[in-house]
Amino acid sequence: EGRGRVSEPLEPPVDVFHEAEEVMIVAEVPGVELADLELRVQDDVLAVSTRPAARRSYRKEIKLGCRVDKDSLKASCRNGILEVHLRRATD
């Protein structure tokens, strides 16, 4: 038993940086590219997960602690380091 089963997704280590105008999230996701990742923002939570075809499996929900403009999401992934920038929401 257990052979051929997909392993449970790993929770990548994450740092959240609060700047005056934006929130920056840095996560360690070795073994995957930006194209392997799905990023979703709902309320003040960023959900990071890998697509089914990715070689490694990650899943993490990151509480941002403030409202953000989900349309402002910009992400890059280099050498296993995912960097996400989100502008703070203005009322």
Protein backbone atom coordinates (compact mmCIF):
# COMPACT_ATOMS: atom_id res chain seq x y z
CA GLU A 1 0.00 0.00 0.00
CA GLY A 2 1.09 3.59 -0.57
CA ARG A 3 2.82 2.85 -3.85
CA GLY A 4 1.81 5.16 -6.67
CA ARG A 5 -0.09 7.43 -4.31
CA VAL A 6 0.49 11.14 -4.57
CA SER A 7 2.18 12.42 -1.46
CA GLU A 8 0.46 15.04 0.66
CA PRO A 9 1.18 18.60 -0.46
CA LEU A 10 4.00 20.28 1.42
CA GLU A 11 3.50 23.63 3.15
CA PRO A 12 6.27 25.87 1.84
CA PRO A 13 8.05 28.22 4.25
CA VAL A 14 6.65 31.73 3.73
CA ASP A 15 7.57 35.29 4.73
CA VAL A 16 5.10 38.18 4.46
CA PHE A 17 6.43 41.73 4.23
CA HIS A 18 4.11 44.69 4.79
CA GLU A 19 5.18 47.78 2.87
CA ALA A 20 3.39 51.13 2.82
CA GLU A 21 1.68 50.49 -0.53
CA GLU A 22 1.90 46.73 -0.99
CA VAL A 23 2.28 43.33 0.60
CA MET A 24 5.10 41.09 -0.61
CA ILE A 25 5.02 37.34 -0.05
CA VAL A 26 8.12 35.18 -0.48
CA ALA A 27 7.75 31.39 -0.47
CA GLU A 28 10.24 28.57 -0.96
CA VAL A 29 8.91 26.18 -3.63
CA PRO A 30 11.90 24.23 -4.96
CA GLY A 31 11.27 22.01 -7.95
CA VAL A 32 8.44 24.00 -9.52
CA GLU A 33 8.12 26.89 -11.98
CA LEU A 34 5.63 29.75 -11.97
CA ALA A 35 3.59 27.89 -14.62
CA ASP A 36 3.15 24.99 -12.13
CA LEU A 37 1.53 27.25 -9.52
CA GLU A 38 -1.99 28.53 -8.96
CA LEU A 39 -2.33 31.75 -6.98
CA ARG A 40 -5.73 32.88 -5.70
CA VAL A 41 -6.66 35.82 -3.51
CA GLN A 42 -9.87 35.81 -1.51
CA ASP A 43 -10.50 38.51 1.09
CA ASP A 44 -7.17 38.80 2.93
CA VAL A 45 -5.87 35.31 2.12
CA LEU A 46 -3.46 34.26 -0.63
CA ALA A 47 -3.82 30.58 -1.58
CA VAL A 48 -0.77 29.01 -3.23
CA SER A 49 -1.06 25.53 -4.72
CA THR A 50 0.52 23.47 -7.47
CA ARG A 51 -1.25 22.26 -10.57
CA PRO A 52 -1.80 18.48 -10.86
CA ALA A 53 0.98 18.03 -13.44
CA ALA A 54 3.69 19.64 -11.27
CA ARG A 55 6.61 17.47 -10.18
CA ARG A 56 6.20 18.54 -6.55
CA SER A 57 3.06 19.32 -4.60
CA TYR A 58 2.66 22.44 -2.46
CA ARG A 59 -0.34 24.01 -0.77
CA LYS A 60 -0.50 26.95 1.62
CA GLU A 61 -3.01 29.58 2.63
CA ILE A 62 -1.32 32.78 3.72
CA LYS A 63 -3.24 35.30 5.83
CA LEU A 64 -2.17 38.73 4.63
CA GLY A 65 -3.51 40.76 7.54
CA CYS A 66 -4.93 43.50 5.33
CA ARG A 67 -7.20 43.91 2.31
CA VAL A 68 -5.45 43.82 -1.05
CA ASP A 69 -6.36 44.53 -4.68
CA LYS A 70 -6.43 41.01 -6.12
CA ASP A 71 -6.19 42.39 -9.68
CA SER A 72 -2.77 43.85 -8.81
CA LEU A 73 -1.17 40.43 -8.26
CA LYS A 74 2.29 40.15 -9.79
CA ALA A 75 4.33 37.00 -9.30
CA SER A 76 7.73 35.66 -10.28
CA CYS A 77 9.46 32.38 -9.49
CA ARG A 78 13.24 31.97 -9.78
CA ASN A 79 15.43 29.19 -8.41
CA GLY A 80 12.61 27.85 -6.24
CA ILE A 81 11.74 31.23 -4.70
CA LEU A 82 8.21 32.50 -5.39
CA GLU A 83 7.73 36.23 -4.98
CA VAL A 84 4.22 37.72 -5.02
CA HIS A 85 3.38 41.44 -4.89
CA LEU A 86 -0.13 42.68 -4.06
CA ARG A 87 -1.15 46.33 -3.78
CA ARG A 88 -2.99 47.26 -0.60
CA ALA A 89 -6.69 47.97 -1.20
CA THR A 90 -7.80 51.57 -0.93
CA ASP A 91 -11.38 52.49 -0.05
